[in-house]
mmCIF file of all heavy atoms, coordinates in Angstrom:
data_MODEL
# 
_entry.id   MODEL 
# 
loop_
_atom_site.group_PDB 
_atom_site.id 
_atom_site.type_symbol 
_atom_site.label_atom_id 
_atom_site.label_alt_id 
_atom_site.label_comp_id 
_atom_site.label_asym_id 
_atom_site.label_entity_id 
_atom_site.label_seq_id 
_atom_site.pdbx_PDB_ins_code 
_atom_site.Cartn_x 
_atom_site.Cartn_y 
_atom_site.Cartn_z 
_atom_site.occupancy 
_atom_site.B_iso_or_equiv 
_atom_site.pdbx_formal_charge 
_atom_site.auth_seq_id 
_atom_site.auth_comp_id 
_atom_site.auth_asym_id 
_atom_site.auth_atom_id 
_atom_site.pdbx_PDB_model_num 
ATOM 1   N N   . GLY A 1 1  ? 0.761  -1.236 0.000  1.00 0.00 ? 1  GLY A N   1 
ATOM 2   C CA  . GLY A 1 1  ? 0.000  0.000  0.000  1.00 0.00 ? 1  GLY A CA  1 
ATOM 3   C C   . GLY A 1 1  ? 0.795  1.292  0.000  1.00 0.00 ? 1  GLY A C   1 
ATOM 4   O O   . GLY A 1 1  ? 2.014  1.317  0.065  1.00 0.00 ? 1  GLY A O   1 
ATOM 5   N N   . ASN A 1 2  ? 0.016  2.388  -0.070 1.00 0.00 ? 2  ASN A N   1 
ATOM 6   C CA  . ASN A 1 2  ? 0.516  3.754  0.065  1.00 0.00 ? 2  ASN A CA  1 
ATOM 7   C C   . ASN A 1 2  ? -0.506 4.601  0.799  1.00 0.00 ? 2  ASN A C   1 
ATOM 8   O O   . ASN A 1 2  ? -1.700 4.274  0.840  1.00 0.00 ? 2  ASN A O   1 
ATOM 9   C CB  . ASN A 1 2  ? 0.775  4.407  -1.294 1.00 0.00 ? 2  ASN A CB  1 
ATOM 10  C CG  . ASN A 1 2  ? 1.971  3.843  -2.022 1.00 0.00 ? 2  ASN A CG  1 
ATOM 11  O OD1 . ASN A 1 2  ? 1.829  3.293  -3.108 1.00 0.00 ? 2  ASN A OD1 1 
ATOM 12  N ND2 . ASN A 1 2  ? 3.151  3.979  -1.443 1.00 0.00 ? 2  ASN A ND2 1 
ATOM 13  N N   . ARG A 1 3  ? -0.043 5.724  1.357  1.00 0.00 ? 3  ARG A N   1 
ATOM 14  C CA  . ARG A 1 3  ? -0.903 6.720  1.975  1.00 0.00 ? 3  ARG A CA  1 
ATOM 15  C C   . ARG A 1 3  ? -0.839 8.020  1.158  1.00 0.00 ? 3  ARG A C   1 
ATOM 16  O O   . ARG A 1 3  ? 0.019  8.153  0.291  1.00 0.00 ? 3  ARG A O   1 
ATOM 17  C CB  . ARG A 1 3  ? -0.438 7.021  3.411  1.00 0.00 ? 3  ARG A CB  1 
ATOM 18  C CG  . ARG A 1 3  ? -0.985 6.099  4.472  1.00 0.00 ? 3  ARG A CG  1 
ATOM 19  C CD  . ARG A 1 3  ? -0.452 4.702  4.460  1.00 0.00 ? 3  ARG A CD  1 
ATOM 20  N NE  . ARG A 1 3  ? 0.987  4.585  4.599  1.00 0.00 ? 3  ARG A NE  1 
ATOM 21  C CZ  . ARG A 1 3  ? 1.689  3.556  4.151  1.00 0.00 ? 3  ARG A CZ  1 
ATOM 22  N NH1 . ARG A 1 3  ? 1.104  2.560  3.490  1.00 0.00 ? 3  ARG A NH1 1 
ATOM 23  N NH2 . ARG A 1 3  ? 2.994  3.512  4.299  1.00 0.00 ? 3  ARG A NH2 1 
ATOM 24  N N   . LEU A 1 4  ? -1.720 8.956  1.468  1.00 0.00 ? 4  LEU A N   1 
ATOM 25  C CA  . LEU A 1 4  ? -1.637 10.276 0.823  1.00 0.00 ? 4  LEU A CA  1 
ATOM 26  C C   . LEU A 1 4  ? -0.292 10.915 1.124  1.00 0.00 ? 4  LEU A C   1 
ATOM 27  O O   . LEU A 1 4  ? 0.367  11.473 0.246  1.00 0.00 ? 4  LEU A O   1 
ATOM 28  C CB  . LEU A 1 4  ? -2.763 11.189 1.325  1.00 0.00 ? 4  LEU A CB  1 
ATOM 29  C CG  . LEU A 1 4  ? -4.178 10.827 0.911  1.00 0.00 ? 4  LEU A CG  1 
ATOM 30  C CD1 . LEU A 1 4  ? -5.183 11.750 1.580  1.00 0.00 ? 4  LEU A CD1 1 
ATOM 31  C CD2 . LEU A 1 4  ? -4.329 10.908 -0.609 1.00 0.00 ? 4  LEU A CD2 1 
ATOM 32  N N   . VAL A 1 5  ? 0.095  10.854 2.384  1.00 0.00 ? 5  VAL A N   1 
ATOM 33  C CA  . VAL A 1 5  ? 1.415  11.319 2.818  1.00 0.00 ? 5  VAL A CA  1 
ATOM 34  C C   . VAL A 1 5  ? 2.066  10.179 3.587  1.00 0.00 ? 5  VAL A C   1 
ATOM 35  O O   . VAL A 1 5  ? 1.380  9.365  4.196  1.00 0.00 ? 5  VAL A O   1 
ATOM 36  C CB  . VAL A 1 5  ? 1.320  12.593 3.684  1.00 0.00 ? 5  VAL A CB  1 
ATOM 37  C CG1 . VAL A 1 5  ? 0.832  13.771 2.862  1.00 0.00 ? 5  VAL A CG1 1 
ATOM 38  C CG2 . VAL A 1 5  ? 0.420  12.384 4.900  1.00 0.00 ? 5  VAL A CG2 1 
ATOM 39  N N   . GLU A 1 6  ? 3.381  10.126 3.570  1.00 0.00 ? 6  GLU A N   1 
ATOM 40  C CA  . GLU A 1 6  ? 4.096  9.066  4.263  1.00 0.00 ? 6  GLU A CA  1 
ATOM 41  C C   . GLU A 1 6  ? 5.296  9.667  4.971  1.00 0.00 ? 6  GLU A C   1 
ATOM 42  O O   . GLU A 1 6  ? 5.587  10.865 4.833  1.00 0.00 ? 6  GLU A O   1 
ATOM 43  C CB  . GLU A 1 6  ? 4.536  7.976  3.268  1.00 0.00 ? 6  GLU A CB  1 
ATOM 44  C CG  . GLU A 1 6  ? 3.347  7.279  2.609  1.00 0.00 ? 6  GLU A CG  1 
ATOM 45  C CD  . GLU A 1 6  ? 3.749  6.213  1.600  1.00 0.00 ? 6  GLU A CD  1 
ATOM 46  O OE1 . GLU A 1 6  ? 4.963  6.026  1.370  1.00 0.00 ? 6  GLU A OE1 1 
ATOM 47  O OE2 . GLU A 1 6  ? 2.840  5.575  1.028  1.00 0.00 ? 6  GLU A OE2 1 
ATOM 48  N N   . PHE A 1 7  ? 6.003  8.832  5.743  1.00 0.00 ? 7  PHE A N   1 
ATOM 49  C CA  . PHE A 1 7  ? 7.205  9.299  6.418  1.00 0.00 ? 7  PHE A CA  1 
ATOM 50  C C   . PHE A 1 7  ? 8.411  9.030  5.531  1.00 0.00 ? 7  PHE A C   1 
ATOM 51  O O   . PHE A 1 7  ? 8.577  7.924  5.009  1.00 0.00 ? 7  PHE A O   1 
ATOM 52  C CB  . PHE A 1 7  ? 7.372  8.602  7.769  1.00 0.00 ? 7  PHE A CB  1 
ATOM 53  C CG  . PHE A 1 7  ? 6.248  8.895  8.718  1.00 0.00 ? 7  PHE A CG  1 
ATOM 54  C CD1 . PHE A 1 7  ? 5.359  7.902  9.102  1.00 0.00 ? 7  PHE A CD1 1 
ATOM 55  C CD2 . PHE A 1 7  ? 6.063  10.174 9.212  1.00 0.00 ? 7  PHE A CD2 1 
ATOM 56  C CE1 . PHE A 1 7  ? 4.314  8.165  9.960  1.00 0.00 ? 7  PHE A CE1 1 
ATOM 57  C CE2 . PHE A 1 7  ? 5.007  10.463 10.076 1.00 0.00 ? 7  PHE A CE2 1 
ATOM 58  C CZ  . PHE A 1 7  ? 4.140  9.464  10.455 1.00 0.00 ? 7  PHE A CZ  1 
ATOM 59  N N   . GLU A 1 8  ? 9.230  10.038 5.365  1.00 0.00 ? 8  GLU A N   1 
ATOM 60  C CA  . GLU A 1 8  ? 10.465 9.876  4.621  1.00 0.00 ? 8  GLU A CA  1 
ATOM 61  C C   . GLU A 1 8  ? 11.279 8.741  5.235  1.00 0.00 ? 8  GLU A C   1 
ATOM 62  O O   . GLU A 1 8  ? 11.366 8.629  6.454  1.00 0.00 ? 8  GLU A O   1 
ATOM 63  C CB  . GLU A 1 8  ? 11.251 11.188 4.680  1.00 0.00 ? 8  GLU A CB  1 
ATOM 64  C CG  . GLU A 1 8  ? 12.530 11.199 3.881  1.00 0.00 ? 8  GLU A CG  1 
ATOM 65  C CD  . GLU A 1 8  ? 13.207 12.556 3.975  1.00 0.00 ? 8  GLU A CD  1 
ATOM 66  O OE1 . GLU A 1 8  ? 13.598 12.953 5.102  1.00 0.00 ? 8  GLU A OE1 1 
ATOM 67  O OE2 . GLU A 1 8  ? 13.327 13.222 2.943  1.00 0.00 ? 8  GLU A OE2 1 
ATOM 68  N N   . ARG A 1 9  ? 11.890 7.925  4.397  1.00 0.00 ? 9  ARG A N   1 
ATOM 69  C CA  . ARG A 1 9  ? 12.614 6.762  4.912  1.00 0.00 ? 9  ARG A CA  1 
ATOM 70  C C   . ARG A 1 9  ? 13.661 7.172  5.942  1.00 0.00 ? 9  ARG A C   1 
ATOM 71  O O   . ARG A 1 9  ? 14.463 8.074  5.715  1.00 0.00 ? 9  ARG A O   1 
ATOM 72  C CB  . ARG A 1 9  ? 13.292 6.006  3.767  1.00 0.00 ? 9  ARG A CB  1 
ATOM 73  C CG  . ARG A 1 9  ? 12.335 5.197  2.927  1.00 0.00 ? 9  ARG A CG  1 
ATOM 74  C CD  . ARG A 1 9  ? 13.016 4.009  2.267  1.00 0.00 ? 9  ARG A CD  1 
ATOM 75  N NE  . ARG A 1 9  ? 14.205 4.359  1.486  1.00 0.00 ? 9  ARG A NE  1 
ATOM 76  C CZ  . ARG A 1 9  ? 15.146 3.494  1.147  1.00 0.00 ? 9  ARG A CZ  1 
ATOM 77  N NH1 . ARG A 1 9  ? 15.070 2.236  1.532  1.00 0.00 ? 9  ARG A NH1 1 
ATOM 78  N NH2 . ARG A 1 9  ? 16.170 3.875  0.416  1.00 0.00 ? 9  ARG A NH2 1 
ATOM 79  N N   . GLY A 1 10 ? 13.629 6.487  7.088  1.00 0.00 ? 10 GLY A N   1 
ATOM 80  C CA  . GLY A 1 10 ? 14.610 6.735  8.133  1.00 0.00 ? 10 GLY A CA  1 
ATOM 81  C C   . GLY A 1 10 ? 14.320 7.932  9.018  1.00 0.00 ? 10 GLY A C   1 
ATOM 82  O O   . GLY A 1 10 ? 15.112 8.252  9.907  1.00 0.00 ? 10 GLY A O   1 
ATOM 83  N N   . THR A 1 11 ? 13.168 8.602  8.795  1.00 0.00 ? 11 THR A N   1 
ATOM 84  C CA  . THR A 1 11 ? 12.833 9.792  9.583  1.00 0.00 ? 11 THR A CA  1 
ATOM 85  C C   . THR A 1 11 ? 11.352 9.763  9.953  1.00 0.00 ? 11 THR A C   1 
ATOM 86  O O   . THR A 1 11 ? 10.610 8.851  9.572  1.00 0.00 ? 11 THR A O   1 
ATOM 87  C CB  . THR A 1 11 ? 13.105 11.094 8.807  1.00 0.00 ? 11 THR A CB  1 
ATOM 88  O OG1 . THR A 1 11 ? 12.053 11.322 7.850  1.00 0.00 ? 11 THR A OG1 1 
ATOM 89  C CG2 . THR A 1 11 ? 14.433 11.043 8.067  1.00 0.00 ? 11 THR A CG2 1 
ATOM 90  N N   . THR A 1 12 ? 10.928 10.797 10.664 1.00 0.00 ? 12 THR A N   1 
ATOM 91  C CA  . THR A 1 12 ? 9.502  10.982 10.955 1.00 0.00 ? 12 THR A CA  1 
ATOM 92  C C   . THR A 1 12 ? 8.963  12.221 10.224 1.00 0.00 ? 12 THR A C   1 
ATOM 93  O O   . THR A 1 12 ? 7.923  12.761 10.595 1.00 0.00 ? 12 THR A O   1 
ATOM 94  C CB  . THR A 1 12 ? 9.267  11.133 12.470 1.00 0.00 ? 12 THR A CB  1 
ATOM 95  O OG1 . THR A 1 12 ? 10.041 12.235 12.971 1.00 0.00 ? 12 THR A OG1 1 
ATOM 96  C CG2 . THR A 1 12 ? 9.656  9.863  13.213 1.00 0.00 ? 12 THR A CG2 1 
ATOM 97  N N   . LYS A 1 13 ? 9.659  12.637 9.180  1.00 0.00 ? 13 LYS A N   1 
ATOM 98  C CA  . LYS A 1 13 ? 9.237  13.782 8.379  1.00 0.00 ? 13 LYS A CA  1 
ATOM 99  C C   . LYS A 1 13 ? 8.139  13.357 7.405  1.00 0.00 ? 13 LYS A C   1 
ATOM 100 O O   . LYS A 1 13 ? 8.275  12.387 6.667  1.00 0.00 ? 13 LYS A O   1 
ATOM 101 C CB  . LYS A 1 13 ? 10.425 14.341 7.601  1.00 0.00 ? 13 LYS A CB  1 
ATOM 102 C CG  . LYS A 1 13 ? 10.081 15.517 6.697  1.00 0.00 ? 13 LYS A CG  1 
ATOM 103 C CD  . LYS A 1 13 ? 11.308 15.950 5.887  1.00 0.00 ? 13 LYS A CD  1 
ATOM 104 C CE  . LYS A 1 13 ? 10.959 17.079 4.914  1.00 0.00 ? 13 LYS A CE  1 
ATOM 105 N NZ  . LYS A 1 13 ? 12.149 17.457 4.094  1.00 0.00 ? 13 LYS A NZ  1 
ATOM 106 N N   . VAL A 1 14 ? 7.024  14.096 7.399  1.00 0.00 ? 14 VAL A N   1 
ATOM 107 C CA  . VAL A 1 14 ? 5.907  13.804 6.498  1.00 0.00 ? 14 VAL A CA  1 
ATOM 108 C C   . VAL A 1 14 ? 6.226  14.343 5.108  1.00 0.00 ? 14 VAL A C   1 
ATOM 109 O O   . VAL A 1 14 ? 6.576  15.525 4.945  1.00 0.00 ? 14 VAL A O   1 
ATOM 110 C CB  . VAL A 1 14 ? 4.602  14.425 7.031  1.00 0.00 ? 14 VAL A CB  1 
ATOM 111 C CG1 . VAL A 1 14 ? 3.474  14.252 6.016  1.00 0.00 ? 14 VAL A CG1 1 
ATOM 112 C CG2 . VAL A 1 14 ? 4.209  13.787 8.358  1.00 0.00 ? 14 VAL A CG2 1 
ATOM 113 N N   . VAL A 1 15 ? 6.108  13.476 4.097  1.00 0.00 ? 15 VAL A N   1 
ATOM 114 C CA  . VAL A 1 15 ? 6.414  13.863 2.718  1.00 0.00 ? 15 VAL A CA  1 
ATOM 115 C C   . VAL A 1 15 ? 5.275  13.411 1.798  1.00 0.00 ? 15 VAL A C   1 
ATOM 116 O O   . VAL A 1 15 ? 4.478  12.533 2.160  1.00 0.00 ? 15 VAL A O   1 
ATOM 117 C CB  . VAL A 1 15 ? 7.749  13.238 2.244  1.00 0.00 ? 15 VAL A CB  1 
ATOM 118 C CG1 . VAL A 1 15 ? 8.912  13.787 3.054  1.00 0.00 ? 15 VAL A CG1 1 
ATOM 119 C CG2 . VAL A 1 15 ? 7.704  11.709 2.328  1.00 0.00 ? 15 VAL A CG2 1 
ATOM 120 N N   . PRO A 1 16 ? 5.173  13.977 0.593  1.00 0.00 ? 16 PRO A N   1 
ATOM 121 C CA  . PRO A 1 16 ? 4.115  13.576 -0.339 1.00 0.00 ? 16 PRO A CA  1 
ATOM 122 C C   . PRO A 1 16 ? 4.242  12.119 -0.762 1.00 0.00 ? 16 PRO A C   1 
ATOM 123 O O   . PRO A 1 16 ? 5.342  11.587 -0.879 1.00 0.00 ? 16 PRO A O   1 
ATOM 124 C CB  . PRO A 1 16 ? 4.337  14.505 -1.541 1.00 0.00 ? 16 PRO A CB  1 
ATOM 125 C CG  . PRO A 1 16 ? 5.102  15.672 -0.997 1.00 0.00 ? 16 PRO A CG  1 
ATOM 126 C CD  . PRO A 1 16 ? 5.973  15.106 0.084  1.00 0.00 ? 16 PRO A CD  1 
ATOM 127 N N   . ALA A 1 17 ? 3.109  11.497 -1.021 1.00 0.00 ? 17 ALA A N   1 
ATOM 128 C CA  . ALA A 1 17 ? 3.079  10.132 -1.566 1.00 0.00 ? 17 ALA A CA  1 
ATOM 129 C C   . ALA A 1 17 ? 1.976  10.093 -2.619 1.00 0.00 ? 17 ALA A C   1 
ATOM 130 O O   . ALA A 1 17 ? 2.179  10.569 -3.736 1.00 0.00 ? 17 ALA A O   1 
ATOM 131 C CB  . ALA A 1 17 ? 2.863  9.107  -0.459 1.00 0.00 ? 17 ALA A CB  1 
ATOM 132 N N   . LEU A 1 18 ? 0.794  9.577  -2.278 1.00 0.00 ? 18 LEU A N   1 
ATOM 133 C CA  . LEU A 1 18 ? -0.303 9.602  -3.251 1.00 0.00 ? 18 LEU A CA  1 
ATOM 134 C C   . LEU A 1 18 ? -0.862 11.015 -3.435 1.00 0.00 ? 18 LEU A C   1 
ATOM 135 O O   . LEU A 1 18 ? -1.548 11.286 -4.423 1.00 0.00 ? 18 LEU A O   1 
ATOM 136 C CB  . LEU A 1 18 ? -1.413 8.641  -2.830 1.00 0.00 ? 18 LEU A CB  1 
ATOM 137 C CG  . LEU A 1 18 ? -1.056 7.156  -2.909 1.00 0.00 ? 18 LEU A CG  1 
ATOM 138 C CD1 . LEU A 1 18 ? -2.224 6.297  -2.456 1.00 0.00 ? 18 LEU A CD1 1 
ATOM 139 C CD2 . LEU A 1 18 ? -0.614 6.756  -4.313 1.00 0.00 ? 18 LEU A CD2 1 
ATOM 140 N N   . ALA A 1 19 ? -0.593 11.888 -2.500 1.00 0.00 ? 19 ALA A N   1 
ATOM 141 C CA  . ALA A 1 19 ? -0.882 13.309 -2.687 1.00 0.00 ? 19 ALA A CA  1 
ATOM 142 C C   . ALA A 1 19 ? 0.430  13.994 -3.051 1.00 0.00 ? 19 ALA A C   1 
ATOM 143 O O   . ALA A 1 19 ? 1.468  13.719 -2.453 1.00 0.00 ? 19 ALA A O   1 
ATOM 144 C CB  . ALA A 1 19 ? -1.451 13.917 -1.416 1.00 0.00 ? 19 ALA A CB  1 
ATOM 145 N N   . THR A 1 20 ? 0.392  14.893 -4.019 1.00 0.00 ? 20 THR A N   1 
ATOM 146 C CA  . THR A 1 20 ? 1.605  15.609 -4.414 1.00 0.00 ? 20 THR A CA  1 
ATOM 147 C C   . THR A 1 20 ? 1.786  16.891 -3.614 1.00 0.00 ? 20 THR A C   1 
ATOM 148 O O   . THR A 1 20 ? 2.903  17.387 -3.471 1.00 0.00 ? 20 THR A O   1 
ATOM 149 C CB  . THR A 1 20 ? 1.570  15.959 -5.909 1.00 0.00 ? 20 THR A CB  1 
ATOM 150 O OG1 . THR A 1 20 ? 0.378  16.719 -6.179 1.00 0.00 ? 20 THR A OG1 1 
ATOM 151 C CG2 . THR A 1 20 ? 1.561  14.689 -6.759 1.00 0.00 ? 20 THR A CG2 1 
ATOM 152 N N   . SER A 1 21 ? 0.682  17.418 -3.070 1.00 0.00 ? 21 SER A N   1 
ATOM 153 C CA  . SER A 1 21 ? 0.751  18.644 -2.276 1.00 0.00 ? 21 SER A CA  1 
ATOM 154 C C   . SER A 1 21 ? -0.533 18.778 -1.473 1.00 0.00 ? 21 SER A C   1 
ATOM 155 O O   . SER A 1 21 ? -1.521 18.075 -1.719 1.00 0.00 ? 21 SER A O   1 
ATOM 156 C CB  . SER A 1 21 ? 0.932  19.872 -3.182 1.00 0.00 ? 21 SER A CB  1 
ATOM 157 O OG  . SER A 1 21 ? -0.203 20.037 -4.029 1.00 0.00 ? 21 SER A OG  1 
ATOM 158 N N   . TRP A 1 22 ? -0.523 19.691 -0.509 1.00 0.00 ? 22 TRP A N   1 
ATOM 159 C CA  . TRP A 1 22 ? -1.715 19.948 0.299  1.00 0.00 ? 22 TRP A CA  1 
ATOM 160 C C   . TRP A 1 22 ? -1.674 21.362 0.851  1.00 0.00 ? 22 TRP A C   1 
ATOM 161 O O   . TRP A 1 22 ? -0.613 21.970 0.983  1.00 0.00 ? 22 TRP A O   1 
ATOM 162 C CB  . TRP A 1 22 ? -1.841 18.934 1.434  1.00 0.00 ? 22 TRP A CB  1 
ATOM 163 C CG  . TRP A 1 22 ? -0.655 18.898 2.376  1.00 0.00 ? 22 TRP A CG  1 
ATOM 164 C CD1 . TRP A 1 22 ? -0.452 19.635 3.505  1.00 0.00 ? 22 TRP A CD1 1 
ATOM 165 C CD2 . TRP A 1 22 ? 0.509  18.078 2.221  1.00 0.00 ? 22 TRP A CD2 1 
ATOM 166 N NE1 . TRP A 1 22 ? 0.761  19.327 4.068  1.00 0.00 ? 22 TRP A NE1 1 
ATOM 167 C CE2 . TRP A 1 22 ? 1.367  18.369 3.311  1.00 0.00 ? 22 TRP A CE2 1 
ATOM 168 C CE3 . TRP A 1 22 ? 0.905  17.116 1.282  1.00 0.00 ? 22 TRP A CE3 1 
ATOM 169 C CZ2 . TRP A 1 22 ? 2.603  17.744 3.472  1.00 0.00 ? 22 TRP A CZ2 1 
ATOM 170 C CZ3 . TRP A 1 22 ? 2.134  16.494 1.453  1.00 0.00 ? 22 TRP A CZ3 1 
ATOM 171 C CH2 . TRP A 1 22 ? 2.966  16.812 2.544  1.00 0.00 ? 22 TRP A CH2 1 
ATOM 172 N N   . GLU A 1 23 ? -2.859 21.869 1.157  1.00 0.00 ? 23 GLU A N   1 
ATOM 173 C CA  . GLU A 1 23 ? -2.988 23.191 1.764  1.00 0.00 ? 23 GLU A CA  1 
ATOM 174 C C   . GLU A 1 23 ? -3.883 23.087 2.984  1.00 0.00 ? 23 GLU A C   1 
ATOM 175 O O   . GLU A 1 23 ? -4.866 22.334 2.984  1.00 0.00 ? 23 GLU A O   1 
ATOM 176 C CB  . GLU A 1 23 ? -3.598 24.191 0.772  1.00 0.00 ? 23 GLU A CB  1 
ATOM 177 C CG  . GLU A 1 23 ? -2.705 24.509 -0.422 1.00 0.00 ? 23 GLU A CG  1 
ATOM 178 C CD  . GLU A 1 23 ? -3.355 25.515 -1.361 1.00 0.00 ? 23 GLU A CD  1 
ATOM 179 O OE1 . GLU A 1 23 ? -4.538 25.878 -1.120 1.00 0.00 ? 23 GLU A OE1 1 
ATOM 180 O OE2 . GLU A 1 23 ? -2.700 25.935 -2.331 1.00 0.00 ? 23 GLU A OE2 1 
ATOM 181 N N   . MET A 1 24 ? -3.557 23.854 4.033  1.00 0.00 ? 24 MET A N   1 
ATOM 182 C CA  . MET A 1 24 ? -4.381 23.916 5.237  1.00 0.00 ? 24 MET A CA  1 
ATOM 183 C C   . MET A 1 24 ? -4.993 25.302 5.348  1.00 0.00 ? 24 MET A C   1 
ATOM 184 O O   . MET A 1 24 ? -4.322 26.312 5.099  1.00 0.00 ? 24 MET A O   1 
ATOM 185 C CB  . MET A 1 24 ? -3.523 23.623 6.479  1.00 0.00 ? 24 MET A CB  1 
ATOM 186 C CG  . MET A 1 24 ? -4.315 23.614 7.778  1.00 0.00 ? 24 MET A CG  1 
ATOM 187 S SD  . MET A 1 24 ? -3.268 23.358 9.244  1.00 0.00 ? 24 MET A SD  1 
ATOM 188 C CE  . MET A 1 24 ? -2.459 24.961 9.368  1.00 0.00 ? 24 MET A CE  1 
ATOM 189 N N   . SER A 1 25 ? -6.257 25.379 5.701  1.00 0.00 ? 25 SER A N   1 
ATOM 190 C CA  . SER A 1 25 ? -6.915 26.664 5.875  1.00 0.00 ? 25 SER A CA  1 
ATOM 191 C C   . SER A 1 25 ? -6.356 27.380 7.096  1.00 0.00 ? 25 SER A C   1 
ATOM 192 O O   . SER A 1 25 ? -5.739 26.768 7.980  1.00 0.00 ? 25 SER A O   1 
ATOM 193 C CB  . SER A 1 25 ? -8.425 26.476 6.024  1.00 0.00 ? 25 SER A CB  1 
ATOM 194 O OG  . SER A 1 25 ? -8.720 25.702 7.181  1.00 0.00 ? 25 SER A OG  1 
# 
């Protein structure tokens, strides 16, 4: 599987996966 966002390998940093970008209000 995949998620919209995932953790960069070896870290806990959230990076794009099935989503390429996102915006928060």
